[in-house]
Amino acid sequence: MSADALQRAFKTFLDPTRVRILALLAQEELAVQEIMEVLRMGQSRVSRHLAILREAGLLSDRREGTYVFYRFETPVDAVWRDAWSLVARQLAGDPRASRDRAALERVLAARAARTRRFFDSVGPEWDALRTVMNDDALRARAMARLLSPRLRVADIGTGTGILALELAREGLAVVAVDHSQRMLEAAREKIERSGVRGIELRLGEASALPLAEAEVDAALAHMVLHYLPSPAEAIREMARVVRPGGAVVIADFVSHDLEWMREELGVAWLGFAREEVEAWFREAELGGLRLEEHARAPSARELPATFLASGRVPE
């Protein structure tokens, strides 16, 4: 054990603000502005501590448009890892850490509320807006992962029910989940007009799905992750509700810098890096990961590349 490394680790963790920041980022990837909101601190102070933690190898960051997001990185060095483990255990009963967790929940709830307001305002008009995504081919590939008649499938973020209807027409039983009541009403009207049976609509969040453990054979989130406050949490939830041996399928955008999508489509994230998606599937203990990247269609409006990822719940 290096005495210098031990001294540096404890010096880093002796600062309560740095410990609070690490505790937050161990729970959720956050932008600087969100950390400031939780801690009620100015940008210069927060940024100074972030720089120290990043230099220590405890954080990684990524730029997304005009935002910079930070996440906790488990220390590789055993000295740092053991020191953090000791500090983290002490936080379990700390009142200030509890207040920070409550403030973090409010920040994440605000993320979700912004998305919900967007979809509640759009409602049935979403079918026209979503055509700019030019995602029919990707939707077909995602469906191909699931098309086995008599399967029971969860369609997460169903919106107006387009994918749920396609799945039901292929003989699958569908539980269609969305967090917007107005979108579910539009989906219900569309389903009733179609005369298609086998679709159950449920109101709920992707981070707390209204499904029991192992209730479905597969779960699909098509062009949904980039709207969610916590994509990693959603994937863990999808894994929870799928039976052992069942599949989790994700279709979404690769990382990009197209800011117009925030304004016109209300997205929360500008796509995702392959490494992020792979890490989320590992954290959800999903095996047999298959991840394919697809270039944007030449005929599409300015759009990023897409990916299709699938994994299975261990038996």
Protein backbone atom coordinates (compact mmCIF):
# COMPACT_ATOMS: atom_id res chain seq x y z
CA MET A 1 0.00 0.00 0.00
CA SER A 2 1.40 3.38 -1.00
CA ALA A 3 1.51 5.86 1.89
CA ASP A 4 1.37 8.75 -0.60
CA ALA A 5 -1.73 7.30 -2.28
CA LEU A 6 -3.41 6.77 1.07
CA GLN A 7 -2.64 10.32 2.19
CA ARG A 8 -3.96 11.76 -1.09
CA ALA A 9 -7.13 9.67 -0.92
CA PHE A 10 -7.98 10.72 2.61
CA LYS A 11 -7.15 14.35 1.86
CA THR A 12 -9.61 14.21 -1.05
CA PHE A 13 -12.34 12.56 1.02
CA LEU A 14 -11.86 14.83 4.04
CA ASP A 15 -13.63 17.64 2.17
CA PRO A 16 -17.39 17.26 2.84
CA THR A 17 -18.43 18.98 -0.41
CA ARG A 18 -16.39 16.56 -2.50
CA VAL A 19 -17.90 13.62 -0.63
CA ARG A 20 -21.41 14.98 -1.21
CA ILE A 21 -20.71 15.37 -4.93
CA LEU A 22 -19.35 11.83 -5.21
CA ALA A 23 -22.34 10.42 -3.34
CA LEU A 24 -24.71 12.14 -5.78
CA LEU A 25 -22.80 11.04 -8.88
CA ALA A 26 -22.62 7.47 -7.60
CA GLN A 27 -26.42 7.50 -7.86
CA GLU A 28 -26.96 9.40 -11.11
CA GLU A 29 -25.13 11.12 -13.96
CA LEU A 30 -25.69 14.86 -13.49
CA ALA A 31 -24.99 18.14 -15.23
CA VAL A 32 -23.12 20.90 -13.39
CA GLN A 33 -26.31 22.94 -13.09
CA GLU A 34 -28.11 20.01 -11.46
CA ILE A 35 -25.31 19.49 -8.93
CA MET A 36 -25.49 23.19 -8.11
CA GLU A 37 -29.24 22.90 -7.57
CA VAL A 38 -28.95 19.92 -5.23
CA LEU A 39 -26.09 21.38 -3.16
CA ARG A 40 -27.29 25.00 -3.41
CA MET A 41 -23.80 26.14 -4.32
CA GLY A 42 -22.37 28.47 -6.94
CA GLN A 43 -20.84 27.24 -10.17
CA SER A 44 -17.25 28.22 -9.39
CA ARG A 45 -17.24 26.25 -6.14
CA VAL A 46 -18.84 23.17 -7.68
CA SER A 47 -16.59 23.28 -10.74
CA ARG A 48 -13.47 23.52 -8.57
CA HIS A 49 -14.39 20.36 -6.68
CA LEU A 50 -15.35 18.55 -9.87
CA ALA A 51 -11.92 19.34 -11.33
CA ILE A 52 -10.18 17.89 -8.26
CA LEU A 53 -12.30 14.72 -8.34
CA ARG A 54 -11.76 14.28 -12.06
CA GLU A 55 -8.00 14.68 -11.66
CA ALA A 56 -8.12 12.00 -8.96
CA GLY A 57 -9.74 9.63 -11.46
CA LEU A 58 -13.02 9.47 -9.55
CA LEU A 59 -15.16 11.09 -12.24
CA SER A 60 -15.63 10.98 -15.97
CA ASP A 61 -17.45 13.59 -18.00
CA ARG A 62 -19.09 13.87 -21.38
CA ARG A 63 -20.25 16.87 -23.35
CA GLU A 64 -23.73 16.82 -24.82
CA GLY A 65 -24.41 19.93 -26.84
CA THR A 66 -24.00 22.84 -24.42
CA TYR A 67 -24.15 20.61 -21.32
CA VAL A 68 -21.40 18.69 -19.50
CA PHE A 69 -22.49 15.62 -17.53
CA TYR A 70 -20.43 13.94 -14.81
CA ARG A 71 -20.55 10.40 -13.49
CA PHE A 72 -18.79 8.53 -10.70
CA GLU A 73 -16.04 6.12 -11.71
CA THR A 74 -15.23 3.27 -9.31
CA PRO A 75 -11.56 3.70 -8.39
CA VAL A 76 -9.18 1.22 -10.00
CA ASP A 77 -6.53 1.64 -7.30
CA ALA A 78 -7.31 -0.50 -4.25
CA VAL A 79 -6.30 2.26 -1.84
CA TRP A 80 -8.77 4.72 -3.32
CA ARG A 81 -11.45 2.04 -3.64
CA ASP A 82 -11.15 0.99 0.01
CA ALA A 83 -11.07 4.59 1.20
CA TRP A 84 -14.24 5.44 -0.74
CA SER A 85 -15.95 2.29 0.53
CA LEU A 86 -15.25 3.40 4.09
CA VAL A 87 -16.57 6.92 3.40
CA ALA A 88 -19.67 5.62 1.60
CA ARG A 89 -20.61 3.40 4.55
CA GLN A 90 -20.48 6.40 6.86
CA LEU A 91 -22.95 8.26 4.62
CA ALA A 92 -25.72 5.71 5.16
CA GLY A 93 -27.04 7.40 8.29
CA ASP A 94 -25.85 10.94 7.65
CA PRO A 95 -28.72 13.48 7.77
CA ARG A 96 -27.11 15.78 5.19
CA ALA A 97 -26.67 12.86 2.76
CA SER A 98 -30.37 12.06 3.23
CA ARG A 99 -31.29 15.66 2.40
CA ASP A 100 -29.08 15.52 -0.69
CA ARG A 101 -30.81 12.33 -1.84
CA ALA A 102 -34.19 14.01 -1.41
CA ALA A 103 -33.00 17.04 -3.40
CA LEU A 104 -31.66 14.73 -6.11
CA GLU A 105 -35.06 13.06 -6.36
CA ARG A 106 -36.62 16.48 -6.92
CA VAL A 107 -34.12 17.28 -9.68
CA LEU A 108 -34.83 13.98 -11.42
CA ALA A 109 -38.57 14.51 -10.99
CA ALA A 110 -38.17 17.90 -12.68
CA ARG A 111 -36.42 16.17 -15.61
CA ALA A 112 -39.35 13.77 -15.95
CA ALA A 113 -41.91 16.55 -15.58
CA ARG A 114 -40.41 18.52 -18.48
CA THR A 115 -40.79 15.50 -20.74
CA ARG A 116 -44.31 14.78 -19.50
CA ARG A 117 -45.39 18.38 -20.16
CA PHE A 118 -44.02 18.12 -23.69
CA PHE A 119 -45.98 14.97 -24.49
CA ASP A 120 -49.13 16.15 -22.75
CA SER A 121 -48.99 19.29 -24.91
CA VAL A 122 -48.34 17.34 -28.11
CA GLY A 123 -50.79 14.46 -27.61
CA PRO A 124 -52.18 13.02 -30.87
CA GLU A 125 -50.03 15.41 -32.92
CA TRP A 126 -47.03 13.26 -32.00
CA ASP A 127 -47.68 10.95 -34.97
CA ALA A 128 -46.95 13.85 -37.31
CA LEU A 129 -43.92 15.06 -35.33
CA ARG A 130 -42.30 11.64 -35.04
CA THR A 131 -42.13 11.21 -38.82
CA VAL A 132 -38.98 13.37 -38.81
CA MET A 133 -37.21 10.46 -37.09
CA ASN A 134 -37.63 8.29 -40.17
CA ASP A 135 -37.52 5.27 -37.85
CA ASP A 136 -39.69 2.71 -39.64
CA ALA A 137 -36.73 0.52 -40.60
CA LEU A 138 -35.34 0.51 -37.08
CA ARG A 139 -38.76 -0.28 -35.65
CA ALA A 140 -39.02 -3.26 -37.99
CA ARG A 141 -35.62 -4.54 -36.84
CA ALA A 142 -36.62 -4.13 -33.20
CA MET A 143 -39.86 -6.03 -33.81
CA ALA A 144 -37.95 -8.84 -35.48
CA ARG A 145 -36.21 -9.48 -32.14
CA LEU A 146 -39.59 -10.23 -30.56
CA LEU A 147 -41.80 -11.70 -33.26
CA SER A 148 -42.83 -15.03 -31.82
CA PRO A 149 -46.62 -15.41 -31.54
CA ARG A 150 -48.14 -15.75 -28.08
CA LEU A 151 -45.36 -13.82 -26.37
CA ARG A 152 -46.39 -11.23 -23.80
CA VAL A 153 -44.45 -8.03 -24.47
CA ALA A 154 -44.10 -4.69 -22.68
CA ASP A 155 -43.97 -1.64 -24.97
CA ILE A 156 -42.29 1.02 -22.83
CA GLY A 157 -43.11 4.62 -23.78
CA THR A 158 -45.84 3.51 -26.16
CA GLY A 159 -46.93 7.06 -27.04
CA THR A 160 -49.90 6.87 -29.41
CA GLY A 161 -49.60 3.08 -29.63
CA ILE A 162 -48.09 2.68 -33.11
CA LEU A 163 -45.65 -0.05 -32.12
CA ALA A 164 -48.13 -1.72 -29.76
CA LEU A 165 -50.58 -2.08 -32.64
CA GLU A 166 -47.92 -3.56 -34.93
CA LEU A 167 -46.92 -6.08 -32.26
CA ALA A 168 -50.53 -7.04 -31.54
CA ARG A 169 -51.24 -7.55 -35.25
CA GLU A 170 -48.41 -10.10 -35.25
CA GLY A 171 -50.13 -12.09 -32.53
CA LEU A 172 -48.29 -10.83 -29.46
CA ALA A 173 -50.04 -9.78 -26.24
CA VAL A 174 -48.92 -6.25 -25.41
CA VAL A 175 -48.76 -4.25 -22.19
CA ALA A 176 -48.32 -0.66 -23.43
CA VAL A 177 -46.92 1.75 -20.83
CA ASP A 178 -46.64 5.54 -20.98
CA HIS A 179 -46.30 8.33 -18.41
CA SER A 180 -48.55 10.76 -20.31
CA GLN A 181 -52.28 10.35 -19.77
CA ARG A 182 -53.01 12.33 -22.92
CA MET A 183 -50.80 10.05 -25.02
CA LEU A 184 -52.52 6.98 -23.60
CA GLU A 185 -55.91 8.48 -24.48
CA ALA A 186 -54.71 8.98 -28.06
CA ALA A 187 -53.44 5.39 -28.09
CA ARG A 188 -56.76 4.09 -26.77
CA GLU A 189 -58.70 5.90 -29.50
CA LYS A 190 -56.37 4.55 -32.18
CA ILE A 191 -56.60 1.00 -30.85
CA GLU A 192 -60.40 1.14 -30.66
CA ARG A 193 -60.63 2.40 -34.24
CA SER A 194 -58.33 -0.39 -35.44
CA GLY A 195 -60.39 -3.17 -33.86
CA VAL A 196 -57.15 -4.90 -32.83
CA ARG A 197 -57.29 -6.86 -29.57
CA GLY A 198 -54.61 -7.95 -27.16
CA ILE A 199 -53.32 -4.54 -25.98
CA GLU A 200 -53.51 -3.43 -22.36
CA LEU A 201 -52.72 0.22 -21.59
CA ARG A 202 -51.08 1.18 -18.29
CA LEU A 203 -50.08 4.59 -16.93
CA GLY A 204 -46.63 4.64 -15.34
CA GLU A 205 -43.02 5.75 -15.39
CA ALA A 206 -40.22 3.85 -17.10
CA SER A 207 -38.24 4.10 -13.87
CA ALA A 208 -41.05 2.45 -11.88
CA LEU A 209 -42.91 0.26 -14.35
CA PRO A 210 -46.48 -0.73 -13.43
CA LEU A 211 -45.63 -4.40 -13.99
CA ALA A 212 -44.80 -7.23 -11.61
CA GLU A 213 -41.46 -8.96 -11.57
CA ALA A 214 -41.07 -11.41 -14.49
CA GLU A 215 -44.57 -10.48 -15.77
CA VAL A 216 -43.65 -10.37 -19.48
CA ASP A 217 -41.54 -12.36 -21.93
CA ALA A 218 -39.83 -9.30 -23.40
CA ALA A 219 -39.64 -5.53 -23.02
CA LEU A 220 -39.03 -3.02 -25.79
CA ALA A 221 -38.20 0.70 -25.62
CA HIS A 222 -38.19 2.19 -29.11
CA MET A 223 -36.87 5.77 -29.35
CA VAL A 224 -37.67 6.30 -25.67
CA LEU A 225 -34.39 6.41 -23.70
CA HIS A 226 -33.50 9.90 -24.94
CA TYR A 227 -36.63 11.25 -23.22
CA LEU A 228 -36.03 9.62 -19.83
CA PRO A 229 -34.53 11.31 -16.77
CA SER A 230 -32.54 8.13 -15.98
CA PRO A 231 -32.04 5.72 -18.91
CA ALA A 232 -29.97 3.31 -16.78
CA GLU A 233 -32.77 2.99 -14.24
CA ALA A 234 -35.27 2.29 -17.02
CA ILE A 235 -33.15 -0.58 -18.37
CA ARG A 236 -32.89 -2.07 -14.86
CA GLU A 237 -36.67 -1.85 -14.57
CA MET A 238 -37.16 -3.53 -17.95
CA ALA A 239 -34.88 -6.36 -16.84
CA ARG A 240 -36.90 -6.71 -13.63
CA VAL A 241 -40.24 -7.21 -15.37
CA VAL A 242 -38.94 -9.72 -17.95
CA ARG A 243 -38.97 -13.44 -17.13
CA PRO A 244 -35.68 -15.39 -16.96
CA GLY A 245 -34.51 -16.07 -20.50
CA GLY A 246 -36.61 -13.21 -21.87
CA ALA A 247 -35.31 -10.26 -23.88
CA VAL A 248 -34.81 -6.53 -23.37
CA VAL A 249 -34.62 -4.57 -26.62
CA ILE A 250 -33.62 -0.90 -26.99
CA ALA A 251 -33.64 1.25 -30.14
CA ASP A 252 -32.34 4.81 -29.96
CA PHE A 253 -29.92 7.43 -31.27
CA VAL A 254 -26.15 7.27 -31.17
CA SER A 255 -24.49 10.32 -29.51
CA HIS A 256 -24.91 13.49 -31.59
CA ASP A 257 -24.89 17.29 -31.30
CA LEU A 258 -28.19 18.21 -32.96
CA GLU A 259 -29.57 20.77 -30.52
CA TRP A 260 -32.69 21.34 -32.63
CA MET A 261 -34.01 18.03 -31.31
CA ARG A 262 -34.24 19.48 -27.80
CA GLU A 263 -36.42 22.35 -29.02
CA GLU A 264 -38.55 20.57 -31.63
CA LEU A 265 -38.83 17.08 -30.15
CA GLY A 266 -38.33 17.77 -26.45
CA VAL A 267 -35.53 15.20 -26.00
CA ALA A 268 -33.58 15.14 -22.73
CA TRP A 269 -30.45 13.44 -24.13
CA LEU A 270 -28.63 13.85 -27.43
CA GLY A 271 -28.17 10.14 -28.01
CA PHE A 272 -25.87 7.68 -26.25
CA ALA A 273 -22.38 6.28 -26.68
CA ARG A 274 -21.94 2.58 -27.26
CA GLU A 275 -19.92 2.28 -24.04
CA GLU A 276 -22.79 3.81 -22.03
CA VAL A 277 -25.34 1.37 -23.40
CA GLU A 278 -23.07 -1.62 -22.82
CA ALA A 279 -22.46 -0.49 -19.22
CA TRP A 280 -26.20 -0.12 -18.57
CA PHE A 281 -26.89 -3.64 -19.84
CA ARG A 282 -24.10 -5.04 -17.65
CA GLU A 283 -25.40 -3.17 -14.59
CA ALA A 284 -28.86 -4.63 -15.24
CA GLU A 285 -27.22 -8.08 -15.35
CA LEU A 286 -28.43 -8.71 -18.89
CA GLY A 287 -26.44 -11.27 -20.84
CA GLY A 288 -25.86 -11.98 -24.52
CA LEU A 289 -25.69 -8.31 -25.46
CA ARG A 290 -26.07 -7.60 -29.18
CA LEU A 291 -25.51 -4.02 -30.27
CA GLU A 292 -25.79 -2.83 -33.86
CA GLU A 293 -25.24 0.69 -35.17
CA HIS A 294 -27.04 1.92 -38.28
CA ALA A 295 -26.16 4.98 -40.34
CA ARG A 296 -28.95 7.48 -40.89
CA ALA A 297 -31.03 7.05 -44.01
CA PRO A 298 -29.75 9.28 -46.85
CA SER A 299 -33.28 10.54 -47.48
CA ALA A 300 -33.87 11.59 -43.88
CA ARG A 301 -33.77 15.12 -42.55
CA GLU A 302 -30.56 15.88 -40.66
CA LEU A 303 -30.57 13.01 -38.20
CA PRO A 304 -27.98 11.08 -36.19
CA ALA A 305 -27.12 7.41 -36.56
CA THR A 306 -29.17 4.91 -34.57
CA PHE A 307 -28.47 1.75 -32.61
CA LEU A 308 -30.34 -1.41 -31.72
CA ALA A 309 -29.33 -3.24 -28.54
CA SER A 310 -30.75 -6.42 -27.03
CA GLY A 311 -29.88 -8.58 -24.05
CA ARG A 312 -31.39 -11.46 -22.12
CA VAL A 313 -32.34 -11.96 -18.49
CA PRO A 314 -30.28 -14.86 -17.04
CA GLU A 315 -32.18 -18.09 -16.46
